[in-house]
Amino acid sequence: MNIAIIGYGKMGRLIEELALGKGHRIAAVIDPFVTEEKTQRGSVIGKSIQTLAALKQKPDAAIEFTRPDMAADNILYLAGAGIPVVVGTTGWYDRLAEITEAVKKSGTSLLWAPNFSLGMNLFYRMAEFAAELFDPFPEYDAGGLEIHHNKKADSPSGTAKVIAQKVLSKMTRKKNAVYEKLDHPPAPDEFHFASLRVGSVYGVHSVIFDSPAETIEITHTSRNRESLTAGALRAAEWLAGKNRTGVFTIDDMLTDILQKRMV
């Protein structure tokens, strides 16, 4: 598969390394802020996404990890050029309706996700299923904990908010997610998701079900960015593999993969 990498920061460089290791080819690397003419492995760098128009062979897919102020216009150009695109940049979702219309009109495809970790997206499903299992048993209270390094400026993490919403969607006796420090016992319908910032922890998210007699925990631990790049590359392979058209999320991809395993 020929891949165009849009954005050559830490994620772009990891995607290049992983893609080449899996036998894919890098058609182009586009990044206006990179000064060298070639990447470490000889792929041509373009300063503008319009560089793609000069390629003799159109990429089978593009993987976009840039900045919120650039992503939407990049997606629109790629759609107009008929190039499927996987987008890991966040912060552009206010233009999702406009982009969806452009992608459908062009007959190409887009797959976007706030988090491309396959493990985390499967963890979301586990959290939903566990919440549904424990919901009929009020002796099991539920809560969550997320831990990140001490340089992270915000809390809770965006991932923690997604997990909490997944739990609330299946646990009828929990109505509200509470993230701030509690100065009182949580109400029965509150789902408390606490945050800890310490050391160099890359990311840990846990959902806890606790009764007077036992505790059940499910935990996802991130060690580095490799899970994100693996998920983004898998998404590009999925989009280009059957010439899919339309707008998808990583959940659509996982549903398709899991349904095939169940047949």
C-alpha atoms as a PDB file:
ATOM      1  CA  MET A   1       0.000   0.000   0.000  1.00  0.00           C
ATOM      2  CA  ASN A   2       1.224   3.506  -0.849  1.00  0.00           C
ATOM      3  CA  ILE A   3       0.756   5.856   2.109  1.00  0.00           C
ATOM      4  CA  ALA A   4       0.993   9.640   2.355  1.00  0.00           C
ATOM      5  CA  ILE A   5       1.956  10.891   5.814  1.00  0.00           C
ATOM      6  CA  ILE A   6       0.517  14.318   6.626  1.00  0.00           C
ATOM      7  CA  GLY A   7       2.440  15.728   9.584  1.00  0.00           C
ATOM      8  CA  TYR A   8       5.962  14.574  10.397  1.00  0.00           C
ATOM      9  CA  GLY A   9       6.082  15.036  14.139  1.00  0.00           C
ATOM     10  CA  LYS A  10       6.499  12.216  16.640  1.00  0.00           C
ATOM     11  CA  MET A  11       3.406  10.391  15.397  1.00  0.00           C
ATOM     12  CA  GLY A  12       4.271  10.811  11.732  1.00  0.00           C
ATOM     13  CA  ARG A  13       7.773   9.439  12.239  1.00  0.00           C
ATOM     14  CA  LEU A  14       6.465   6.435  14.161  1.00  0.00           C
ATOM     15  CA  ILE A  15       3.866   5.763  11.465  1.00  0.00           C
ATOM     16  CA  GLU A  16       6.578   5.848   8.802  1.00  0.00           C
ATOM     17  CA  GLU A  17       8.724   3.372  10.730  1.00  0.00           C
ATOM     18  CA  LEU A  18       5.839   0.979  11.379  1.00  0.00           C
ATOM     19  CA  ALA A  19       4.491   1.198   7.820  1.00  0.00           C
ATOM     20  CA  LEU A  20       7.863   0.447   6.260  1.00  0.00           C
ATOM     21  CA  GLY A  21       8.343  -2.424   8.693  1.00  0.00           C
ATOM     22  CA  LYS A  22       5.081  -3.943   7.450  1.00  0.00           C
ATOM     23  CA  GLY A  23       6.100  -3.668   3.809  1.00  0.00           C
ATOM     24  CA  HIS A  24       4.134  -0.554   2.871  1.00  0.00           C
ATOM     25  CA  ARG A  25       5.581   2.276   0.777  1.00  0.00           C
ATOM     26  CA  ILE A  26       5.655   5.946   1.740  1.00  0.00           C
ATOM     27  CA  ALA A  27       4.426   7.923  -1.257  1.00  0.00           C
ATOM     28  CA  ALA A  28       5.078  11.303   0.359  1.00  0.00           C
ATOM     29  CA  VAL A  29       5.541  13.085   3.652  1.00  0.00           C
ATOM     30  CA  ILE A  30       3.872  16.495   3.933  1.00  0.00           C
ATOM     31  CA  ASP A  31       4.911  18.900   6.679  1.00  0.00           C
ATOM     32  CA  PRO A  32       5.510  22.648   6.234  1.00  0.00           C
ATOM     33  CA  PHE A  33       7.560  22.839   9.418  1.00  0.00           C
ATOM     34  CA  VAL A  34      10.200  20.213   8.583  1.00  0.00           C
ATOM     35  CA  THR A  35      13.355  21.702   7.089  1.00  0.00           C
ATOM     36  CA  GLU A  36      15.174  18.663   5.725  1.00  0.00           C
ATOM     37  CA  GLU A  37      14.419  17.603   2.159  1.00  0.00           C
ATOM     38  CA  LYS A  38      14.100  13.902   2.891  1.00  0.00           C
ATOM     39  CA  THR A  39      12.965  11.792   5.785  1.00  0.00           C
ATOM     40  CA  GLN A  40      15.288   9.358   7.492  1.00  0.00           C
ATOM     41  CA  ARG A  41      14.324   6.669   4.998  1.00  0.00           C
ATOM     42  CA  GLY A  42      14.398   8.693   1.809  1.00  0.00           C
ATOM     43  CA  SER A  43      10.723   9.619   1.412  1.00  0.00           C
ATOM     44  CA  VAL A  44      10.273  13.012  -0.230  1.00  0.00           C
ATOM     45  CA  ILE A  45       9.050  15.805   2.021  1.00  0.00           C
ATOM     46  CA  GLY A  46       6.537  18.306   0.675  1.00  0.00           C
ATOM     47  CA  LYS A  47       5.922  21.680   2.246  1.00  0.00           C
ATOM     48  CA  SER A  48       2.299  21.828   1.136  1.00  0.00           C
ATOM     49  CA  ILE A  49      -0.365  19.177   0.900  1.00  0.00           C
ATOM     50  CA  GLN A  50      -0.825  20.240  -2.730  1.00  0.00           C
ATOM     51  CA  THR A  51       2.490  18.445  -3.345  1.00  0.00           C
ATOM     52  CA  LEU A  52       0.418  15.267  -3.564  1.00  0.00           C
ATOM     53  CA  ALA A  53      -0.996  16.444  -6.903  1.00  0.00           C
ATOM     54  CA  ALA A  54       2.473  16.132  -8.471  1.00  0.00           C
ATOM     55  CA  LEU A  55       2.835  12.456  -7.591  1.00  0.00           C
ATOM     56  CA  LYS A  56       2.780  10.035 -10.496  1.00  0.00           C
ATOM     57  CA  GLN A  57       0.971   7.452  -8.386  1.00  0.00           C
ATOM     58  CA  LYS A  58      -1.847   8.585  -6.104  1.00  0.00           C
ATOM     59  CA  PRO A  59      -1.519   7.288  -2.528  1.00  0.00           C
ATOM     60  CA  ASP A  60      -3.875   4.487  -1.505  1.00  0.00           C
ATOM     61  CA  ALA A  61      -4.469   6.338   1.776  1.00  0.00           C
ATOM     62  CA  ALA A  62      -3.216   9.260   3.815  1.00  0.00           C
ATOM     63  CA  ILE A  63      -2.655   9.364   7.577  1.00  0.00           C
ATOM     64  CA  GLU A  64      -3.064  12.824   9.112  1.00  0.00           C
ATOM     65  CA  PHE A  65      -1.605  13.875  12.469  1.00  0.00           C
ATOM     66  CA  THR A  66      -1.109  17.643  12.376  1.00  0.00           C
ATOM     67  CA  ARG A  67      -2.788  20.505  14.257  1.00  0.00           C
ATOM     68  CA  PRO A  68      -6.433  21.439  14.852  1.00  0.00           C
ATOM     69  CA  ASP A  69      -6.084  24.613  12.760  1.00  0.00           C
ATOM     70  CA  MET A  70      -4.768  22.630   9.775  1.00  0.00           C
ATOM     71  CA  ALA A  71      -6.628  19.308   9.889  1.00  0.00           C
ATOM     72  CA  ALA A  72      -9.995  20.322   8.423  1.00  0.00           C
ATOM     73  CA  ASP A  73      -8.502  21.964   5.342  1.00  0.00           C
ATOM     74  CA  ASN A  74      -6.175  18.994   4.868  1.00  0.00           C
ATOM     75  CA  ILE A  75      -9.123  16.600   4.971  1.00  0.00           C
ATOM     76  CA  LEU A  76     -11.078  18.687   2.464  1.00  0.00           C
ATOM     77  CA  TYR A  77      -8.143  18.730   0.050  1.00  0.00           C
ATOM     78  CA  LEU A  78      -7.615  14.976   0.359  1.00  0.00           C
ATOM     79  CA  ALA A  79     -11.331  14.358  -0.211  1.00  0.00           C
ATOM     80  CA  GLY A  80     -11.247  16.516  -3.313  1.00  0.00           C
ATOM     81  CA  ALA A  81      -8.238  14.568  -4.554  1.00  0.00           C
ATOM     82  CA  GLY A  82     -10.033  11.274  -3.989  1.00  0.00           C
ATOM     83  CA  ILE A  83      -7.567  10.054  -1.347  1.00  0.00           C
ATOM     84  CA  PRO A  84      -8.910   8.077   1.661  1.00  0.00           C
ATOM     85  CA  VAL A  85      -7.694   9.634   4.894  1.00  0.00           C
ATOM     86  CA  VAL A  86      -7.248   8.510   8.486  1.00  0.00           C
ATOM     87  CA  VAL A  87      -7.247  11.475  10.894  1.00  0.00           C
ATOM     88  CA  GLY A  88      -5.805  11.357  14.393  1.00  0.00           C
ATOM     89  CA  THR A  89      -5.756  15.123  14.920  1.00  0.00           C
ATOM     90  CA  THR A  90      -8.426  16.365  17.324  1.00  0.00           C
ATOM     91  CA  GLY A  91     -10.047  19.760  17.772  1.00  0.00           C
ATOM     92  CA  TRP A  92     -11.607  20.150  14.308  1.00  0.00           C
ATOM     93  CA  TYR A  93     -14.924  18.395  14.985  1.00  0.00           C
ATOM     94  CA  ASP A  94     -16.942  21.612  14.695  1.00  0.00           C
ATOM     95  CA  ARG A  95     -16.437  21.184  10.924  1.00  0.00           C
ATOM     96  CA  LEU A  96     -17.408  17.517  10.853  1.00  0.00           C
ATOM     97  CA  ALA A  97     -20.739  18.145   9.077  1.00  0.00           C
ATOM     98  CA  GLU A  98     -19.034  20.155   6.321  1.00  0.00           C
ATOM     99  CA  ILE A  99     -16.332  17.528   5.925  1.00  0.00           C
ATOM    100  CA  THR A 100     -18.819  14.640   5.924  1.00  0.00           C
ATOM    101  CA  GLU A 101     -20.679  16.255   3.036  1.00  0.00           C
ATOM    102  CA  ALA A 102     -17.430  16.805   1.102  1.00  0.00           C
ATOM    103  CA  VAL A 103     -16.247  13.227   1.632  1.00  0.00           C
ATOM    104  CA  LYS A 104     -19.569  11.751   0.514  1.00  0.00           C
ATOM    105  CA  LYS A 105     -19.697  14.045  -2.520  1.00  0.00           C
ATOM    106  CA  SER A 106     -16.185  13.000  -3.578  1.00  0.00           C
ATOM    107  CA  GLY A 107     -16.948   9.287  -3.204  1.00  0.00           C
ATOM    108  CA  THR A 108     -13.882   8.683  -1.067  1.00  0.00           C
ATOM    109  CA  SER A 109     -13.518   7.865   2.657  1.00  0.00           C
ATOM    110  CA  LEU A 110     -12.556   9.290   6.030  1.00  0.00           C
ATOM    111  CA  LEU A 111     -11.914   7.483   9.308  1.00  0.00           C
ATOM    112  CA  TRP A 112     -11.449   9.660  12.376  1.00  0.00           C
ATOM    113  CA  ALA A 113     -10.977   8.959  16.078  1.00  0.00           C
ATOM    114  CA  PRO A 114      -9.841  10.894  19.166  1.00  0.00           C
ATOM    115  CA  ASN A 115      -7.804   7.847  20.218  1.00  0.00           C
ATOM    116  CA  PHE A 116      -6.444   5.244  17.790  1.00  0.00           C
ATOM    117  CA  SER A 117      -5.253   2.749  20.387  1.00  0.00           C
ATOM    118  CA  LEU A 118      -6.887  -0.557  19.499  1.00  0.00           C
ATOM    119  CA  GLY A 119      -6.530  -1.678  23.101  1.00  0.00           C
ATOM    120  CA  MET A 120      -8.254   1.410  24.466  1.00  0.00           C
ATOM    121  CA  ASN A 121     -11.115   1.178  21.987  1.00  0.00           C
ATOM    122  CA  LEU A 122     -11.622  -2.465  22.934  1.00  0.00           C
ATOM    123  CA  PHE A 123     -11.386  -1.387  26.589  1.00  0.00           C
ATOM    124  CA  TYR A 124     -14.320   0.981  25.985  1.00  0.00           C
ATOM    125  CA  ARG A 125     -16.397  -2.029  24.993  1.00  0.00           C
ATOM    126  CA  MET A 126     -15.211  -4.001  28.011  1.00  0.00           C
ATOM    127  CA  ALA A 127     -16.193  -1.132  30.318  1.00  0.00           C
ATOM    128  CA  GLU A 128     -19.665  -0.980  28.767  1.00  0.00           C
ATOM    129  CA  PHE A 129     -20.155  -4.726  29.068  1.00  0.00           C
ATOM    130  CA  ALA A 130     -18.901  -4.818  32.666  1.00  0.00           C
ATOM    131  CA  ALA A 131     -21.203  -1.926  33.625  1.00  0.00           C
ATOM    132  CA  GLU A 132     -24.159  -3.783  32.150  1.00  0.00           C
ATOM    133  CA  LEU A 133     -23.214  -6.960  34.025  1.00  0.00           C
ATOM    134  CA  PHE A 134     -22.911  -5.260  37.416  1.00  0.00           C
ATOM    135  CA  ASP A 135     -25.875  -2.902  37.059  1.00  0.00           C
ATOM    136  CA  PRO A 136     -28.491  -5.319  38.540  1.00  0.00           C
ATOM    137  CA  PHE A 137     -26.353  -5.867  41.653  1.00  0.00           C
ATOM    138  CA  PRO A 138     -26.454  -2.713  43.845  1.00  0.00           C
ATOM    139  CA  GLU A 139     -24.019  -4.163  46.372  1.00  0.00           C
ATOM    140  CA  TYR A 140     -21.302  -3.421  43.759  1.00  0.00           C
ATOM    141  CA  ASP A 141     -20.490   0.274  43.634  1.00  0.00           C
ATOM    142  CA  ALA A 142     -18.613   1.599  40.592  1.00  0.00           C
ATOM    143  CA  GLY A 143     -15.904   4.206  40.099  1.00  0.00           C
ATOM    144  CA  GLY A 144     -12.845   5.005  38.047  1.00  0.00           C
ATOM    145  CA  LEU A 145      -9.257   6.215  38.297  1.00  0.00           C
ATOM    146  CA  GLU A 146      -6.887   7.663  35.700  1.00  0.00           C
ATOM    147  CA  ILE A 147      -3.162   8.319  36.199  1.00  0.00           C
ATOM    148  CA  HIS A 148      -0.874  10.400  33.996  1.00  0.00           C
ATOM    149  CA  HIS A 149       2.579  11.978  34.198  1.00  0.00           C
ATOM    150  CA  ASN A 150       3.117  15.151  36.195  1.00  0.00           C
ATOM    151  CA  LYS A 151       3.541  17.300  33.052  1.00  0.00           C
ATOM    152  CA  LYS A 152      -0.029  16.750  31.891  1.00  0.00           C
ATOM    153  CA  ALA A 153      -1.838  20.060  32.294  1.00  0.00           C
ATOM    154  CA  ASP A 154      -5.453  18.924  32.361  1.00  0.00           C
ATOM    155  CA  SER A 155      -7.603  16.500  34.288  1.00  0.00           C
ATOM    156  CA  PRO A 156      -9.538  14.402  33.846  1.00  0.00           C
ATOM    157  CA  SER A 157      -8.185  13.027  30.603  1.00  0.00           C
ATOM    158  CA  GLY A 158     -10.406  13.035  27.547  1.00  0.00           C
ATOM    159  CA  THR A 159     -10.193   9.253  27.570  1.00  0.00           C
ATOM    160  CA  ALA A 160     -11.504   9.174  31.151  1.00  0.00           C
ATOM    161  CA  LYS A 161     -14.549  11.164  30.068  1.00  0.00           C
ATOM    162  CA  VAL A 162     -15.259   8.718  27.252  1.00  0.00           C
ATOM    163  CA  ILE A 163     -14.949   5.748  29.634  1.00  0.00           C
ATOM    164  CA  ALA A 164     -17.300   7.387  32.127  1.00  0.00           C
ATOM    165  CA  GLN A 165     -19.908   7.998  29.434  1.00  0.00           C
ATOM    166  CA  LYS A 166     -19.605   4.383  28.272  1.00  0.00           C
ATOM    167  CA  VAL A 167     -20.271   3.177  31.834  1.00  0.00           C
ATOM    168  CA  LEU A 168     -23.190   5.578  32.333  1.00  0.00           C
ATOM    169  CA  SER A 169     -24.762   4.418  29.071  1.00  0.00           C
ATOM    170  CA  LYS A 170     -25.146   0.904  30.499  1.00  0.00           C
ATOM    171  CA  MET A 171     -25.435   1.423  34.270  1.00  0.00           C
ATOM    172  CA  THR A 172     -28.917   2.703  35.006  1.00  0.00           C
ATOM    173  CA  ARG A 173     -28.288   3.321  38.709  1.00  0.00           C
ATOM    174  CA  LYS A 174     -25.413   5.706  37.913  1.00  0.00           C
ATOM    175  CA  LYS A 175     -26.633   8.996  36.414  1.00  0.00           C
ATOM    176  CA  ASN A 176     -23.791  11.511  36.699  1.00  0.00           C
ATOM    177  CA  ALA A 177     -20.013  11.442  36.284  1.00  0.00           C
ATOM    178  CA  VAL A 178     -18.129  13.394  38.933  1.00  0.00           C
ATOM    179  CA  TYR A 179     -14.466  14.216  38.247  1.00  0.00           C
ATOM    180  CA  GLU A 180     -13.562  16.849  40.831  1.00  0.00           C
ATOM    181  CA  LYS A 181     -12.409  16.231  44.401  1.00  0.00           C
ATOM    182  CA  LEU A 182     -15.246  15.120  46.646  1.00  0.00           C
ATOM    183  CA  ASP A 183     -15.766  16.698  50.056  1.00  0.00           C
ATOM    184  CA  HIS A 184     -18.702  14.396  50.771  1.00  0.00           C
ATOM    185  CA  PRO A 185     -19.635  10.747  50.270  1.00  0.00           C
ATOM    186  CA  PRO A 186     -20.703  10.282  46.647  1.00  0.00           C
ATOM    187  CA  ALA A 187     -24.426  10.013  46.056  1.00  0.00           C
ATOM    188  CA  PRO A 188     -25.634   6.558  44.983  1.00  0.00           C
ATOM    189  CA  ASP A 189     -26.199   7.784  41.427  1.00  0.00           C
ATOM    190  CA  GLU A 190     -22.749   9.435  41.102  1.00  0.00           C
ATOM    191  CA  PHE A 191     -19.933   7.752  39.211  1.00  0.00           C
ATOM    192  CA  HIS A 192     -16.719   9.165  40.675  1.00  0.00           C
ATOM    193  CA  PHE A 193     -13.738   9.158  38.284  1.00  0.00           C
ATOM    194  CA  ALA A 194     -10.629  10.441  40.054  1.00  0.00           C
ATOM    195  CA  SER A 195      -7.342  11.717  38.563  1.00  0.00           C
ATOM    196  CA  LEU A 196      -3.743  11.398  39.734  1.00  0.00           C
ATOM    197  CA  ARG A 197      -0.711  13.158  38.242  1.00  0.00           C
ATOM    198  CA  VAL A 198       2.631  11.641  39.175  1.00  0.00           C
ATOM    199  CA  GLY A 199       6.080  10.953  37.741  1.00  0.00           C
ATOM    200  CA  SER A 200       6.385   9.753  34.151  1.00  0.00           C
ATOM    201  CA  VAL A 201       3.283   7.562  33.891  1.00  0.00           C
ATOM    202  CA  TYR A 202       2.200   7.581  30.237  1.00  0.00           C
ATOM    203  CA  GLY A 203      -1.419   6.703  30.953  1.00  0.00           C
ATOM    204  CA  VAL A 204      -3.442   4.317  33.139  1.00  0.00           C
ATOM    205  CA  HIS A 205      -7.249   4.092  33.175  1.00  0.00           C
ATOM    206  CA  SER A 206      -9.211   1.793  35.485  1.00  0.00           C
ATOM    207  CA  VAL A 207     -12.856   1.018  36.123  1.00  0.00           C
ATOM    208  CA  ILE A 208     -13.574  -0.467  39.547  1.00  0.00           C
ATOM    209  CA  PHE A 209     -16.547  -2.443  40.830  1.00  0.00           C
ATOM    210  CA  ASP A 210     -16.451  -2.898  44.598  1.00  0.00           C
ATOM    211  CA  SER A 211     -18.623  -4.704  47.151  1.00  0.00           C
ATOM    212  CA  PRO A 212     -18.027  -5.346  50.867  1.00  0.00           C
ATOM    213  CA  ALA A 213     -16.670  -8.764  49.944  1.00  0.00           C
ATOM    214  CA  GLU A 214     -14.631  -8.265  46.763  1.00  0.00           C
ATOM    215  CA  THR A 215     -13.234  -5.893  44.160  1.00  0.00           C
ATOM    216  CA  ILE A 216     -13.145  -6.295  40.394  1.00  0.00           C
ATOM    217  CA  GLU A 217     -10.951  -3.968  38.343  1.00  0.00           C
ATOM    218  CA  ILE A 218     -10.353  -3.638  34.623  1.00  0.00           C
ATOM    219  CA  THR A 219      -7.326  -1.547  33.677  1.00  0.00           C
ATOM    220  CA  HIS A 220      -5.722  -0.267  30.505  1.00  0.00           C
ATOM    221  CA  THR A 221      -2.080   0.820  30.692  1.00  0.00           C
ATOM    222  CA  SER A 222      -0.385   2.759  27.886  1.00  0.00           C
ATOM    223  CA  ARG A 223       3.402   2.510  27.672  1.00  0.00           C
ATOM    224  CA  ASN A 224       4.073   4.662  24.600  1.00  0.00           C
ATOM    225  CA  ARG A 225       2.627   6.000  21.333  1.00  0.00           C
ATOM    226  CA  GLU A 226       3.083   2.728  19.444  1.00  0.00           C
ATOM    227  CA  SER A 227      -0.467   1.578  20.154  1.00  0.00           C
ATOM    228  CA  LEU A 228      -1.769   4.763  18.516  1.00  0.00           C
ATOM    229  CA  THR A 229       0.344   4.367  15.390  1.00  0.00           C
ATOM    230  CA  ALA A 230      -0.584   0.684  15.066  1.00  0.00           C
ATOM    231  CA  GLY A 231      -4.272   1.582  15.227  1.00  0.00           C
ATOM    232  CA  ALA A 232      -3.932   4.383  12.676  1.00  0.00           C
ATOM    233  CA  LEU A 233      -2.083   2.131  10.240  1.00  0.00           C
ATOM    234  CA  ARG A 234      -4.653  -0.630  10.725  1.00  0.00           C
ATOM    235  CA  ALA A 235      -7.356   1.922   9.956  1.00  0.00           C
ATOM    236  CA  ALA A 236      -5.620   2.963   6.719  1.00  0.00           C
ATOM    237  CA  GLU A 237      -5.345  -0.686   5.686  1.00  0.00           C
ATOM    238  CA  TRP A 238      -9.037  -1.187   6.477  1.00  0.00           C
ATOM    239  CA  LEU A 239     -10.139   1.875   4.487  1.00  0.00           C
ATOM    240  CA  ALA A 240      -8.042   1.132   1.421  1.00  0.00           C
ATOM    241  CA  GLY A 241      -8.441  -2.629   1.517  1.00  0.00           C
ATOM    242  CA  LYS A 242     -11.952  -2.694   0.098  1.00  0.00           C
ATOM    243  CA  ASN A 243     -12.138   0.802  -1.379  1.00  0.00           C
ATOM    244  CA  ARG A 244     -14.663   1.873   1.240  1.00  0.00           C
ATOM    245  CA  THR A 245     -16.583   5.103   0.812  1.00  0.00           C
ATOM    246  CA  GLY A 246     -18.101   7.341   3.456  1.00  0.00           C
ATOM    247  CA  VAL A 247     -17.224   8.573   6.931  1.00  0.00           C
ATOM    248  CA  PHE A 248     -16.247   6.079   9.622  1.00  0.00           C
ATOM    249  CA  THR A 249     -14.933   5.971  13.166  1.00  0.00           C
ATOM    250  CA  ILE A 250     -12.596   3.404  14.649  1.00  0.00           C
ATOM    251  CA  ASP A 251     -15.663   1.822  16.253  1.00  0.00           C
ATOM    252  CA  ASP A 252     -17.012   1.036  12.771  1.00  0.00           C
ATOM    253  CA  MET A 253     -13.747  -0.707  11.931  1.00  0.00           C
ATOM    254  CA  LEU A 254     -13.745  -2.755  15.133  1.00  0.00           C
ATOM    255  CA  THR A 255     -17.385  -3.771  14.627  1.00  0.00           C
ATOM    256  CA  ASP A 256     -16.566  -4.985  11.120  1.00  0.00           C
ATOM    257  CA  ILE A 257     -13.521  -6.952  12.283  1.00  0.00           C
ATOM    258  CA  LEU A 258     -15.303  -8.504  15.262  1.00  0.00           C
ATOM    259  CA  GLN A 259     -18.380  -9.462  13.257  1.00  0.00           C
ATOM    260  CA  LYS A 260     -16.207 -11.347  10.790  1.00  0.00           C
ATOM    261  CA  ARG A 261     -14.654 -13.300  13.673  1.00  0.00           C
ATOM    262  CA  MET A 262     -18.128 -14.300  14.863  1.00  0.00           C
ATOM    263  CA  VAL A 263     -19.261 -15.694  11.500  1.00  0.00           C
END
